[in-house]
Amino acid sequence: MTLPLRIAPSILASNFSKLGQEVKDVVDAGADWVHLDVMDGHFVPNISFGPDVIKSLRPYTDAFFDCHLMIAPADPYLEAFAKAGCDGITVHAESGVHLHRSLQTIRSLGKKVGVTLNPATPASVLENVLDDVDLILVMSVNPGFGGQSFIPACLDKISRIKSLIGDRPIELEVDGGITPATIGDARRAGANVFVAGSAIYKGGEKSAYEANIAALVSAAGGRG
């Protein structure tokens, strides 16, 4: 199944002093989703923001809030992020020992269900949860900080996951080092959702974001 190309800017690369306006501007500039990188300083070596910040951003746009939880444990906080206005919640397969329970909880909260794999985690981890998820996120850098370089070995993983997905309507997302130089290969490998931070937010204003998003879409082969 072929799903639409989606560009999901990571607000981690935005100007936090005007975060609400940055979210509005990037959606107006052509973003499809808004990617929310939540970090706890434990599962990953950085701290970002939590449910209260996400709740404060919700009035600025109706765009899909794509919440990526880089936290462990995740389960105690799933309801808070759902209530904050996240449309989809993605948890790491590595963040706990009861992955099915986490995914079922997200589903029970009425949200789209996602699972994430770090670069060194094999695609085989997904085999028993394929019918429980709406989205699979492949990390093409080690999570924790923006601005890292794309790990080429992740292309083979994307292809393997695309084969595992088969005809299921599962979004296949890639996060890490996505630029006009890398998005084409990731698209050809089978991904359809692309998280980008610095590649979109460079320039610091809406006109730059529009040009940057257009460059990514073009390099991915267009939206057709």
C-alpha atoms as a PDB file:
ATOM      1  CA  MET A   1       0.000   0.000   0.000  1.00  0.00           C
ATOM      2  CA  THR A   2       1.291   3.444  -0.970  1.00  0.00           C
ATOM      3  CA  LEU A   3       0.637   6.151   1.601  1.00  0.00           C
ATOM      4  CA  PRO A   4       1.024   9.909   1.057  1.00  0.00           C
ATOM      5  CA  LEU A   5       4.317  11.707   1.491  1.00  0.00           C
ATOM      6  CA  ARG A   6       4.262  13.589   4.782  1.00  0.00           C
ATOM      7  CA  ILE A   7       6.748  16.140   6.100  1.00  0.00           C
ATOM      8  CA  ALA A   8       6.890  16.327   9.900  1.00  0.00           C
ATOM      9  CA  PRO A   9       9.082  19.151  11.241  1.00  0.00           C
ATOM     10  CA  SER A  10      10.625  18.502  14.639  1.00  0.00           C
ATOM     11  CA  ILE A  11      10.010  21.516  16.826  1.00  0.00           C
ATOM     12  CA  LEU A  12      13.172  20.606  18.722  1.00  0.00           C
ATOM     13  CA  ALA A  13      14.998  22.693  16.092  1.00  0.00           C
ATOM     14  CA  SER A  14      12.663  25.673  16.351  1.00  0.00           C
ATOM     15  CA  ASN A  15      12.979  28.907  18.318  1.00  0.00           C
ATOM     16  CA  PHE A  16      11.629  27.996  21.763  1.00  0.00           C
ATOM     17  CA  SER A  17      11.150  31.650  22.690  1.00  0.00           C
ATOM     18  CA  LYS A  18       8.187  31.770  20.274  1.00  0.00           C
ATOM     19  CA  LEU A  19       7.231  28.117  20.065  1.00  0.00           C
ATOM     20  CA  GLY A  20       3.535  28.570  19.335  1.00  0.00           C
ATOM     21  CA  GLN A  21       4.223  30.902  16.421  1.00  0.00           C
ATOM     22  CA  GLU A  22       6.908  28.545  15.118  1.00  0.00           C
ATOM     23  CA  VAL A  23       4.382  25.699  15.030  1.00  0.00           C
ATOM     24  CA  LYS A  24       1.831  27.854  13.202  1.00  0.00           C
ATOM     25  CA  ASP A  25       4.409  29.149  10.734  1.00  0.00           C
ATOM     26  CA  VAL A  26       5.786  25.738   9.802  1.00  0.00           C
ATOM     27  CA  VAL A  27       2.306  24.334   9.183  1.00  0.00           C
ATOM     28  CA  ASP A  28       1.402  27.386   7.097  1.00  0.00           C
ATOM     29  CA  ALA A  29       4.648  26.781   5.185  1.00  0.00           C
ATOM     30  CA  GLY A  30       3.515  23.311   4.094  1.00  0.00           C
ATOM     31  CA  ALA A  31       4.211  20.873   6.919  1.00  0.00           C
ATOM     32  CA  ASP A  32       1.816  17.936   7.166  1.00  0.00           C
ATOM     33  CA  TRP A  33       2.470  16.880  10.767  1.00  0.00           C
ATOM     34  CA  VAL A  34       4.146  18.477  13.781  1.00  0.00           C
ATOM     35  CA  HIS A  35       6.728  16.164  15.369  1.00  0.00           C
ATOM     36  CA  LEU A  36       7.078  16.469  19.141  1.00  0.00           C
ATOM     37  CA  ASP A  37      10.298  15.003  20.548  1.00  0.00           C
ATOM     38  CA  VAL A  38       9.802  14.305  24.246  1.00  0.00           C
ATOM     39  CA  MET A  39      13.035  13.478  26.119  1.00  0.00           C
ATOM     40  CA  ASP A  40      13.563  12.621  29.766  1.00  0.00           C
ATOM     41  CA  GLY A  41      17.332  12.815  30.304  1.00  0.00           C
ATOM     42  CA  HIS A  42      17.254   9.129  31.254  1.00  0.00           C
ATOM     43  CA  PHE A  43      16.300   7.072  28.199  1.00  0.00           C
ATOM     44  CA  VAL A  44      18.133   9.626  26.050  1.00  0.00           C
ATOM     45  CA  PRO A  45      20.818  12.137  27.126  1.00  0.00           C
ATOM     46  CA  ASN A  46      18.729  15.278  26.766  1.00  0.00           C
ATOM     47  CA  ILE A  47      15.629  16.905  28.273  1.00  0.00           C
ATOM     48  CA  SER A  48      13.062  18.690  26.108  1.00  0.00           C
ATOM     49  CA  PHE A  49       9.441  19.306  27.188  1.00  0.00           C
ATOM     50  CA  GLY A  50       6.346  17.593  28.534  1.00  0.00           C
ATOM     51  CA  PRO A  51       2.546  17.534  28.312  1.00  0.00           C
ATOM     52  CA  ASP A  52       1.998  21.100  29.521  1.00  0.00           C
ATOM     53  CA  VAL A  53       4.043  22.546  26.672  1.00  0.00           C
ATOM     54  CA  ILE A  54       2.206  20.388  24.136  1.00  0.00           C
ATOM     55  CA  LYS A  55      -1.142  21.481  25.559  1.00  0.00           C
ATOM     56  CA  SER A  56      -0.088  25.118  25.172  1.00  0.00           C
ATOM     57  CA  LEU A  57       0.714  24.526  21.483  1.00  0.00           C
ATOM     58  CA  ARG A  58      -2.558  22.843  20.578  1.00  0.00           C
ATOM     59  CA  PRO A  59      -4.514  26.085  19.945  1.00  0.00           C
ATOM     60  CA  TYR A  60      -2.029  27.186  17.272  1.00  0.00           C
ATOM     61  CA  THR A  61      -2.875  24.505  14.688  1.00  0.00           C
ATOM     62  CA  ASP A  62      -5.172  21.622  13.831  1.00  0.00           C
ATOM     63  CA  ALA A  63      -2.269  19.705  12.269  1.00  0.00           C
ATOM     64  CA  PHE A  64      -1.538  16.154  13.410  1.00  0.00           C
ATOM     65  CA  PHE A  65       0.573  16.185  16.575  1.00  0.00           C
ATOM     66  CA  ASP A  66       3.052  13.316  16.172  1.00  0.00           C
ATOM     67  CA  CYS A  67       4.358  12.661  19.690  1.00  0.00           C
ATOM     68  CA  HIS A  68       7.617  10.688  19.949  1.00  0.00           C
ATOM     69  CA  LEU A  69       8.228   9.606  23.532  1.00  0.00           C
ATOM     70  CA  MET A  70      11.918   9.089  24.222  1.00  0.00           C
ATOM     71  CA  ILE A  71      11.220   8.298  27.848  1.00  0.00           C
ATOM     72  CA  ALA A  72      11.380   5.270  30.121  1.00  0.00           C
ATOM     73  CA  PRO A  73       9.095   4.157  31.514  1.00  0.00           C
ATOM     74  CA  ALA A  74       6.479   5.519  29.118  1.00  0.00           C
ATOM     75  CA  ASP A  75       3.305   3.892  30.429  1.00  0.00           C
ATOM     76  CA  PRO A  76       2.725   6.176  33.454  1.00  0.00           C
ATOM     77  CA  TYR A  77       2.646   9.229  31.178  1.00  0.00           C
ATOM     78  CA  LEU A  78       0.614   8.032  28.181  1.00  0.00           C
ATOM     79  CA  GLU A  79      -2.682   9.412  29.437  1.00  0.00           C
ATOM     80  CA  ALA A  80      -1.159  12.826  30.164  1.00  0.00           C
ATOM     81  CA  PHE A  81       0.199  13.134  26.642  1.00  0.00           C
ATOM     82  CA  ALA A  82      -3.104  11.992  25.171  1.00  0.00           C
ATOM     83  CA  LYS A  83      -4.987  14.618  27.183  1.00  0.00           C
ATOM     84  CA  ALA A  84      -2.447  17.275  26.147  1.00  0.00           C
ATOM     85  CA  GLY A  85      -3.619  16.977  22.542  1.00  0.00           C
ATOM     86  CA  CYS A  86      -1.299  14.485  20.869  1.00  0.00           C
ATOM     87  CA  ASP A  87      -2.948  12.760  17.900  1.00  0.00           C
ATOM     88  CA  GLY A  88      -0.427   9.941  17.688  1.00  0.00           C
ATOM     89  CA  ILE A  89       1.854   8.592  20.408  1.00  0.00           C
ATOM     90  CA  THR A  90       4.969   6.591  19.602  1.00  0.00           C
ATOM     91  CA  VAL A  91       6.934   4.611  22.174  1.00  0.00           C
ATOM     92  CA  HIS A  92      10.320   2.959  21.851  1.00  0.00           C
ATOM     93  CA  ALA A  93      10.440  -0.818  21.676  1.00  0.00           C
ATOM     94  CA  GLU A  94      13.532  -0.535  23.882  1.00  0.00           C
ATOM     95  CA  SER A  95      11.901   1.535  26.632  1.00  0.00           C
ATOM     96  CA  GLY A  96      10.124  -1.256  28.483  1.00  0.00           C
ATOM     97  CA  VAL A  97       9.512  -4.991  28.676  1.00  0.00           C
ATOM     98  CA  HIS A  98       5.755  -4.927  27.999  1.00  0.00           C
ATOM     99  CA  LEU A  99       5.485  -3.357  24.548  1.00  0.00           C
ATOM    100  CA  HIS A 100       2.044  -4.805  23.804  1.00  0.00           C
ATOM    101  CA  ARG A 101       0.675  -3.255  26.987  1.00  0.00           C
ATOM    102  CA  SER A 102       1.979   0.179  26.013  1.00  0.00           C
ATOM    103  CA  LEU A 103       0.515  -0.066  22.518  1.00  0.00           C
ATOM    104  CA  GLN A 104      -2.841  -1.264  23.827  1.00  0.00           C
ATOM    105  CA  THR A 105      -2.951   1.624  26.286  1.00  0.00           C
ATOM    106  CA  ILE A 106      -2.360   4.164  23.521  1.00  0.00           C
ATOM    107  CA  ARG A 107      -5.149   2.557  21.472  1.00  0.00           C
ATOM    108  CA  SER A 108      -7.510   2.669  24.465  1.00  0.00           C
ATOM    109  CA  LEU A 109      -6.847   6.410  24.739  1.00  0.00           C
ATOM    110  CA  GLY A 110      -8.148   6.877  21.199  1.00  0.00           C
ATOM    111  CA  LYS A 111      -4.807   7.835  19.672  1.00  0.00           C
ATOM    112  CA  LYS A 112      -2.842   6.563  16.693  1.00  0.00           C
ATOM    113  CA  VAL A 113      -0.359   3.960  17.876  1.00  0.00           C
ATOM    114  CA  GLY A 114       3.337   4.099  17.017  1.00  0.00           C
ATOM    115  CA  VAL A 115       6.454   2.097  17.806  1.00  0.00           C
ATOM    116  CA  THR A 116      10.049   3.271  17.369  1.00  0.00           C
ATOM    117  CA  LEU A 117      13.312   1.412  16.820  1.00  0.00           C
ATOM    118  CA  ASN A 118      16.765   2.777  17.614  1.00  0.00           C
ATOM    119  CA  PRO A 119      19.432   2.314  14.899  1.00  0.00           C
ATOM    120  CA  ALA A 120      20.909  -0.858  16.424  1.00  0.00           C
ATOM    121  CA  THR A 121      17.543  -2.536  17.087  1.00  0.00           C
ATOM    122  CA  PRO A 122      16.648  -5.149  14.437  1.00  0.00           C
ATOM    123  CA  ALA A 123      13.454  -4.995  12.397  1.00  0.00           C
ATOM    124  CA  SER A 124      12.492  -8.454  13.670  1.00  0.00           C
ATOM    125  CA  VAL A 125      11.381  -6.840  16.947  1.00  0.00           C
ATOM    126  CA  LEU A 126       8.289  -5.626  15.079  1.00  0.00           C
ATOM    127  CA  GLU A 127       7.028  -8.992  13.876  1.00  0.00           C
ATOM    128  CA  ASN A 128       4.637  -9.567  16.782  1.00  0.00           C
ATOM    129  CA  VAL A 129       3.189  -6.041  16.907  1.00  0.00           C
ATOM    130  CA  LEU A 130       2.499  -5.286  13.246  1.00  0.00           C
ATOM    131  CA  ASP A 131      -1.248  -5.660  13.723  1.00  0.00           C
ATOM    132  CA  ASP A 132      -1.213  -3.375  16.761  1.00  0.00           C
ATOM    133  CA  VAL A 133       0.325  -0.230  15.254  1.00  0.00           C
ATOM    134  CA  ASP A 134      -0.572   2.575  12.868  1.00  0.00           C
ATOM    135  CA  LEU A 135       2.975   3.909  12.558  1.00  0.00           C
ATOM    136  CA  ILE A 136       6.540   2.609  12.685  1.00  0.00           C
ATOM    137  CA  LEU A 137       9.314   5.131  13.296  1.00  0.00           C
ATOM    138  CA  VAL A 138      12.852   4.214  12.274  1.00  0.00           C
ATOM    139  CA  MET A 139      15.550   6.228  14.007  1.00  0.00           C
ATOM    140  CA  SER A 140      18.303   6.984  11.497  1.00  0.00           C
ATOM    141  CA  VAL A 141      20.442   8.610  14.198  1.00  0.00           C
ATOM    142  CA  ASN A 142      20.875   7.736  17.854  1.00  0.00           C
ATOM    143  CA  PRO A 143      18.163   9.722  19.640  1.00  0.00           C
ATOM    144  CA  GLY A 144      18.808  12.594  21.972  1.00  0.00           C
ATOM    145  CA  PHE A 145      20.079  15.502  19.896  1.00  0.00           C
ATOM    146  CA  GLY A 146      19.217  17.169  16.603  1.00  0.00           C
ATOM    147  CA  GLY A 147      21.636  17.919  13.794  1.00  0.00           C
ATOM    148  CA  GLN A 148      23.197  14.451  13.532  1.00  0.00           C
ATOM    149  CA  SER A 149      24.153  12.729  10.273  1.00  0.00           C
ATOM    150  CA  PHE A 150      21.948  10.070   8.689  1.00  0.00           C
ATOM    151  CA  ILE A 151      23.118   6.475   9.298  1.00  0.00           C
ATOM    152  CA  PRO A 152      23.070   4.816   5.831  1.00  0.00           C
ATOM    153  CA  ALA A 153      22.680   1.295   7.250  1.00  0.00           C
ATOM    154  CA  CYS A 154      19.152   2.269   8.256  1.00  0.00           C
ATOM    155  CA  LEU A 155      18.080   2.153   4.603  1.00  0.00           C
ATOM    156  CA  ASP A 156      18.217  -1.643   4.621  1.00  0.00           C
ATOM    157  CA  LYS A 157      16.146  -1.681   7.801  1.00  0.00           C
ATOM    158  CA  ILE A 158      13.532   0.588   6.217  1.00  0.00           C
ATOM    159  CA  SER A 159      13.295  -1.785   3.251  1.00  0.00           C
ATOM    160  CA  ARG A 160      12.935  -4.818   5.526  1.00  0.00           C
ATOM    161  CA  ILE A 161      10.233  -3.124   7.564  1.00  0.00           C
ATOM    162  CA  LYS A 162       8.376  -2.110   4.412  1.00  0.00           C
ATOM    163  CA  SER A 163       8.342  -5.776   3.400  1.00  0.00           C
ATOM    164  CA  LEU A 164       7.077  -6.798   6.843  1.00  0.00           C
ATOM    165  CA  ILE A 165       4.278  -4.226   6.619  1.00  0.00           C
ATOM    166  CA  GLY A 166       2.979  -5.702   3.373  1.00  0.00           C
ATOM    167  CA  ASP A 167      -0.511  -4.400   2.603  1.00  0.00           C
ATOM    168  CA  ARG A 168      -1.156  -3.025   6.074  1.00  0.00           C
ATOM    169  CA  PRO A 169      -1.936   0.735   6.116  1.00  0.00           C
ATOM    170  CA  ILE A 170       1.002   1.495   8.415  1.00  0.00           C
ATOM    171  CA  GLU A 171       2.837   4.807   8.133  1.00  0.00           C
ATOM    172  CA  LEU A 172       6.612   4.282   7.876  1.00  0.00           C
ATOM    173  CA  GLU A 173       8.435   7.256   9.359  1.00  0.00           C
ATOM    174  CA  VAL A 174      12.135   8.141   9.452  1.00  0.00           C
ATOM    175  CA  ASP A 175      13.760  10.516  11.933  1.00  0.00           C
ATOM    176  CA  GLY A 176      17.371  11.662  11.919  1.00  0.00           C
ATOM    177  CA  GLY A 177      19.603  13.410   9.427  1.00  0.00           C
ATOM    178  CA  ILE A 178      16.805  13.967   6.910  1.00  0.00           C
ATOM    179  CA  THR A 179      17.892  16.565   4.339  1.00  0.00           C
ATOM    180  CA  PRO A 180      17.395  16.985   0.580  1.00  0.00           C
ATOM    181  CA  ALA A 181      20.514  14.807   0.177  1.00  0.00           C
ATOM    182  CA  THR A 182      19.087  11.858   2.163  1.00  0.00           C
ATOM    183  CA  ILE A 183      15.314  11.976   1.818  1.00  0.00           C
ATOM    184  CA  GLY A 184      15.262  10.476  -1.676  1.00  0.00           C
ATOM    185  CA  ASP A 185      17.031   7.285  -0.625  1.00  0.00           C
ATOM    186  CA  ALA A 186      14.768   6.932   2.409  1.00  0.00           C
ATOM    187  CA  ARG A 187      11.690   7.423   0.234  1.00  0.00           C
ATOM    188  CA  ARG A 188      12.859   4.823  -2.263  1.00  0.00           C
ATOM    189  CA  ALA A 189      13.518   2.398   0.598  1.00  0.00           C
ATOM    190  CA  GLY A 190       9.835   2.622   1.509  1.00  0.00           C
ATOM    191  CA  ALA A 191       9.319   5.431   4.021  1.00  0.00           C
ATOM    192  CA  ASN A 192       6.531   7.966   3.554  1.00  0.00           C
ATOM    193  CA  VAL A 193       6.815  10.219   6.646  1.00  0.00           C
ATOM    194  CA  PHE A 194       9.955  12.278   7.163  1.00  0.00           C
ATOM    195  CA  VAL A 195      10.965  14.078  10.327  1.00  0.00           C
ATOM    196  CA  ALA A 196      13.360  16.968   9.812  1.00  0.00           C
ATOM    197  CA  GLY A 197      14.514  19.623  12.225  1.00  0.00           C
ATOM    198  CA  SER A 198      17.406  21.839  11.225  1.00  0.00           C
ATOM    199  CA  ALA A 199      16.800  21.150   7.517  1.00  0.00           C
ATOM    200  CA  ILE A 200      13.420  22.875   7.854  1.00  0.00           C
ATOM    201  CA  TYR A 201      13.969  25.466  10.575  1.00  0.00           C
ATOM    202  CA  LYS A 202      17.175  26.931   9.155  1.00  0.00           C
ATOM    203  CA  GLY A 203      16.536  30.489   8.043  1.00  0.00           C
ATOM    204  CA  GLY A 204      14.398  31.329  11.055  1.00  0.00           C
ATOM    205  CA  GLU A 205      11.283  32.621   9.285  1.00  0.00           C
ATOM    206  CA  LYS A 206       8.211  31.291   7.477  1.00  0.00           C
ATOM    207  CA  SER A 207       9.436  32.059   3.964  1.00  0.00           C
ATOM    208  CA  ALA A 208      12.571  30.014   4.637  1.00  0.00           C
ATOM    209  CA  TYR A 209      10.528  27.154   6.088  1.00  0.00           C
ATOM    210  CA  GLU A 210       8.368  27.121   2.965  1.00  0.00           C
ATOM    211  CA  ALA A 211      11.427  26.907   0.706  1.00  0.00           C
ATOM    212  CA  ASN A 212      13.031  24.242   2.886  1.00  0.00           C
ATOM    213  CA  ILE A 213       9.913  22.060   2.916  1.00  0.00           C
ATOM    214  CA  ALA A 214       9.540  22.450  -0.845  1.00  0.00           C
ATOM    215  CA  ALA A 215      13.155  21.344  -1.301  1.00  0.00           C
ATOM    216  CA  LEU A 216      12.528  18.207   0.762  1.00  0.00           C
ATOM    217  CA  VAL A 217       9.361  17.359  -1.150  1.00  0.00           C
ATOM    218  CA  SER A 218      11.147  17.834  -4.466  1.00  0.00           C
ATOM    219  CA  ALA A 219      14.119  15.700  -3.409  1.00  0.00           C
ATOM    220  CA  ALA A 220      11.699  12.964  -2.302  1.00  0.00           C
ATOM    221  CA  GLY A 221      10.208  12.858  -5.788  1.00  0.00           C
ATOM    222  CA  GLY A 222       7.168  15.006  -5.122  1.00  0.00           C
ATOM    223  CA  ARG A 223       3.881  14.312  -3.429  1.00  0.00           C
ATOM    224  CA  GLY A 224       2.457  12.211  -6.253  1.00  0.00           C
END
